[in-house]
Amino acid sequence: MKPEWPLSKRLICLLNQDITAADAIELEYSIETELIPVLKELLDDTTPVDYAGSRPPQKSYERKIEGLELFSFVADCRRFKCRIYYKFALAEGRVWLVSLHQDRPIKEES
């Protein structure tokens, strides 16, 4: 049984609002009305196999979340019908959303 994620607008902080907004426009969802359902769906459908970060997790160098562990995942998303990359940090009962966009795999050079 997965843990319940207590998501609400007051518990989600966007690290970079401009980038998050641009990615939301690309995925065609509203941050204001759909961010919480999108995150809940992603978290519910994500398994440990979907973890895409390093072990141990990297620490953030961004001033607002400096020193916090960053958790990255790539998971299939029913809502967007594609793979989504998302990264977040946790602090004091808050989810700091760092990234949430369509997965952009690194292409290997030939």
C-alpha atoms as a PDB file:
ATOM      1  CA  MET A   1       0.000   0.000   0.000  1.00  0.00           C
ATOM      2  CA  LYS A   2       1.408   3.378  -1.055  1.00  0.00           C
ATOM      3  CA  PRO A   3       1.508   6.325   1.361  1.00  0.00           C
ATOM      4  CA  GLU A   4      -1.185   8.966   1.036  1.00  0.00           C
ATOM      5  CA  TRP A   5       0.195  12.232  -0.376  1.00  0.00           C
ATOM      6  CA  PRO A   6      -1.341  15.208   1.454  1.00  0.00           C
ATOM      7  CA  LEU A   7      -1.290  17.564  -1.520  1.00  0.00           C
ATOM      8  CA  SER A   8      -2.941  20.945  -1.403  1.00  0.00           C
ATOM      9  CA  LYS A   9      -2.128  24.329  -2.892  1.00  0.00           C
ATOM     10  CA  ARG A  10      -0.552  25.504   0.335  1.00  0.00           C
ATOM     11  CA  LEU A  11       1.732  22.463   0.475  1.00  0.00           C
ATOM     12  CA  ILE A  12       3.102  22.711  -3.074  1.00  0.00           C
ATOM     13  CA  CYS A  13       5.816  25.232  -3.835  1.00  0.00           C
ATOM     14  CA  LEU A  14       7.038  25.856  -7.374  1.00  0.00           C
ATOM     15  CA  LEU A  15      10.772  26.392  -7.498  1.00  0.00           C
ATOM     16  CA  ASN A  16      10.668  28.241 -10.821  1.00  0.00           C
ATOM     17  CA  GLN A  17       7.168  29.398 -11.717  1.00  0.00           C
ATOM     18  CA  ASP A  18       8.060  30.589 -15.234  1.00  0.00           C
ATOM     19  CA  ILE A  19       9.562  27.262 -16.274  1.00  0.00           C
ATOM     20  CA  THR A  20       6.737  25.287 -14.650  1.00  0.00           C
ATOM     21  CA  ALA A  21       4.179  27.476 -16.454  1.00  0.00           C
ATOM     22  CA  ALA A  22       5.885  26.993 -19.837  1.00  0.00           C
ATOM     23  CA  ASP A  23       5.952  23.214 -19.311  1.00  0.00           C
ATOM     24  CA  ALA A  24       2.281  23.248 -18.248  1.00  0.00           C
ATOM     25  CA  ILE A  25       1.345  25.121 -21.415  1.00  0.00           C
ATOM     26  CA  GLU A  26       3.234  22.540 -23.480  1.00  0.00           C
ATOM     27  CA  LEU A  27       1.355  19.710 -21.722  1.00  0.00           C
ATOM     28  CA  GLU A  28      -1.921  21.684 -21.963  1.00  0.00           C
ATOM     29  CA  TYR A  29      -2.947  21.768 -18.310  1.00  0.00           C
ATOM     30  CA  SER A  30      -3.706  24.588 -15.883  1.00  0.00           C
ATOM     31  CA  ILE A  31      -1.361  24.960 -12.931  1.00  0.00           C
ATOM     32  CA  GLU A  32      -4.104  26.706 -10.977  1.00  0.00           C
ATOM     33  CA  THR A  33      -6.795  24.038 -11.361  1.00  0.00           C
ATOM     34  CA  GLU A  34      -5.027  20.853 -12.460  1.00  0.00           C
ATOM     35  CA  LEU A  35      -1.599  20.744 -10.815  1.00  0.00           C
ATOM     36  CA  ILE A  36      -2.753  18.849  -7.724  1.00  0.00           C
ATOM     37  CA  PRO A  37      -4.657  16.166  -9.698  1.00  0.00           C
ATOM     38  CA  VAL A  38      -1.698  15.822 -12.089  1.00  0.00           C
ATOM     39  CA  LEU A  39       0.754  15.339  -9.214  1.00  0.00           C
ATOM     40  CA  LYS A  40      -1.547  12.903  -7.407  1.00  0.00           C
ATOM     41  CA  GLU A  41      -1.940  10.826 -10.559  1.00  0.00           C
ATOM     42  CA  LEU A  42       1.803  10.778 -11.172  1.00  0.00           C
ATOM     43  CA  LEU A  43       2.603   9.856  -7.586  1.00  0.00           C
ATOM     44  CA  ASP A  44      -0.076   7.153  -7.516  1.00  0.00           C
ATOM     45  CA  ASP A  45       1.214   5.599 -10.750  1.00  0.00           C
ATOM     46  CA  THR A  46       4.921   5.861  -9.918  1.00  0.00           C
ATOM     47  CA  THR A  47       6.828   2.876  -8.591  1.00  0.00           C
ATOM     48  CA  PRO A  48      10.394   2.578  -7.294  1.00  0.00           C
ATOM     49  CA  VAL A  49      11.368   1.259 -10.753  1.00  0.00           C
ATOM     50  CA  ASP A  50      10.521   4.714 -12.168  1.00  0.00           C
ATOM     51  CA  TYR A  51      13.185   6.435 -10.046  1.00  0.00           C
ATOM     52  CA  ALA A  52      15.533   8.318 -12.388  1.00  0.00           C
ATOM     53  CA  GLY A  53      17.747  10.068  -9.872  1.00  0.00           C
ATOM     54  CA  SER A  54      21.107   9.195  -8.430  1.00  0.00           C
ATOM     55  CA  ARG A  55      21.733   7.073  -5.362  1.00  0.00           C
ATOM     56  CA  PRO A  56      22.154   8.721  -2.957  1.00  0.00           C
ATOM     57  CA  PRO A  57      19.922  11.545  -4.231  1.00  0.00           C
ATOM     58  CA  GLN A  58      21.607  14.727  -5.401  1.00  0.00           C
ATOM     59  CA  LYS A  59      21.422  17.748  -3.139  1.00  0.00           C
ATOM     60  CA  SER A  60      19.940  20.969  -4.479  1.00  0.00           C
ATOM     61  CA  TYR A  61      22.082  24.038  -4.989  1.00  0.00           C
ATOM     62  CA  GLU A  62      19.071  26.296  -5.602  1.00  0.00           C
ATOM     63  CA  ARG A  63      18.915  28.917  -2.868  1.00  0.00           C
ATOM     64  CA  LYS A  64      15.295  28.228  -1.817  1.00  0.00           C
ATOM     65  CA  ILE A  65      15.894  24.505  -1.354  1.00  0.00           C
ATOM     66  CA  GLU A  66      19.648  24.400  -0.862  1.00  0.00           C
ATOM     67  CA  GLY A  67      20.852  21.130   0.627  1.00  0.00           C
ATOM     68  CA  LEU A  68      17.561  19.264   0.153  1.00  0.00           C
ATOM     69  CA  GLU A  69      17.576  15.885  -1.577  1.00  0.00           C
ATOM     70  CA  LEU A  70      16.158  15.876  -5.111  1.00  0.00           C
ATOM     71  CA  PHE A  71      13.946  12.983  -6.202  1.00  0.00           C
ATOM     72  CA  SER A  72      13.568  12.458  -9.965  1.00  0.00           C
ATOM     73  CA  PHE A  73      11.167  10.089 -11.692  1.00  0.00           C
ATOM     74  CA  VAL A  74      10.165   9.200 -15.246  1.00  0.00           C
ATOM     75  CA  ALA A  75       6.737   7.584 -15.377  1.00  0.00           C
ATOM     76  CA  ASP A  76       3.966   6.871 -17.861  1.00  0.00           C
ATOM     77  CA  CYS A  77       1.105   9.311 -17.465  1.00  0.00           C
ATOM     78  CA  ARG A  78      -2.414   8.339 -18.499  1.00  0.00           C
ATOM     79  CA  ARG A  79      -3.537  11.967 -18.577  1.00  0.00           C
ATOM     80  CA  PHE A  80      -0.900  13.121 -21.068  1.00  0.00           C
ATOM     81  CA  LYS A  81      -0.394   9.766 -22.838  1.00  0.00           C
ATOM     82  CA  CYS A  82       3.388  10.092 -22.666  1.00  0.00           C
ATOM     83  CA  ARG A  83       6.270   9.638 -20.270  1.00  0.00           C
ATOM     84  CA  ILE A  84       6.662  12.470 -17.786  1.00  0.00           C
ATOM     85  CA  TYR A  85       9.852  13.535 -16.028  1.00  0.00           C
ATOM     86  CA  TYR A  86       9.311  15.141 -12.677  1.00  0.00           C
ATOM     87  CA  LYS A  87      11.629  16.159  -9.876  1.00  0.00           C
ATOM     88  CA  PHE A  88      10.853  17.397  -6.401  1.00  0.00           C
ATOM     89  CA  ALA A  89      12.265  17.971  -2.940  1.00  0.00           C
ATOM     90  CA  LEU A  90      10.503  17.562   0.394  1.00  0.00           C
ATOM     91  CA  ALA A  91      10.829  19.957   3.318  1.00  0.00           C
ATOM     92  CA  GLU A  92       8.716  20.756   6.350  1.00  0.00           C
ATOM     93  CA  GLY A  93       5.636  18.999   4.960  1.00  0.00           C
ATOM     94  CA  ARG A  94       5.909  20.757   1.608  1.00  0.00           C
ATOM     95  CA  VAL A  95       6.567  19.430  -1.881  1.00  0.00           C
ATOM     96  CA  TRP A  96       8.961  21.677  -3.796  1.00  0.00           C
ATOM     97  CA  LEU A  97       8.255  21.005  -7.473  1.00  0.00           C
ATOM     98  CA  VAL A  98      11.450  21.481  -9.468  1.00  0.00           C
ATOM     99  CA  SER A  99      10.412  20.004 -12.855  1.00  0.00           C
ATOM    100  CA  LEU A 100       7.360  18.450 -14.461  1.00  0.00           C
ATOM    101  CA  HIS A 101       7.474  18.011 -18.234  1.00  0.00           C
ATOM    102  CA  GLN A 102       7.391  15.462 -21.015  1.00  0.00           C
ATOM    103  CA  ASP A 103      10.432  13.216 -20.745  1.00  0.00           C
ATOM    104  CA  ARG A 104      13.277  14.448 -22.932  1.00  0.00           C
ATOM    105  CA  PRO A 105      15.712  11.538 -23.052  1.00  0.00           C
ATOM    106  CA  ILE A 106      19.321  12.425 -23.710  1.00  0.00           C
ATOM    107  CA  LYS A 107      20.209  11.352 -27.232  1.00  0.00           C
ATOM    108  CA  GLU A 108      23.459   9.476 -27.569  1.00  0.00           C
ATOM    109  CA  GLU A 109      25.813  10.737 -30.244  1.00  0.00           C
ATOM    110  CA  SER A 110      26.783   8.248 -32.942  1.00  0.00           C
END
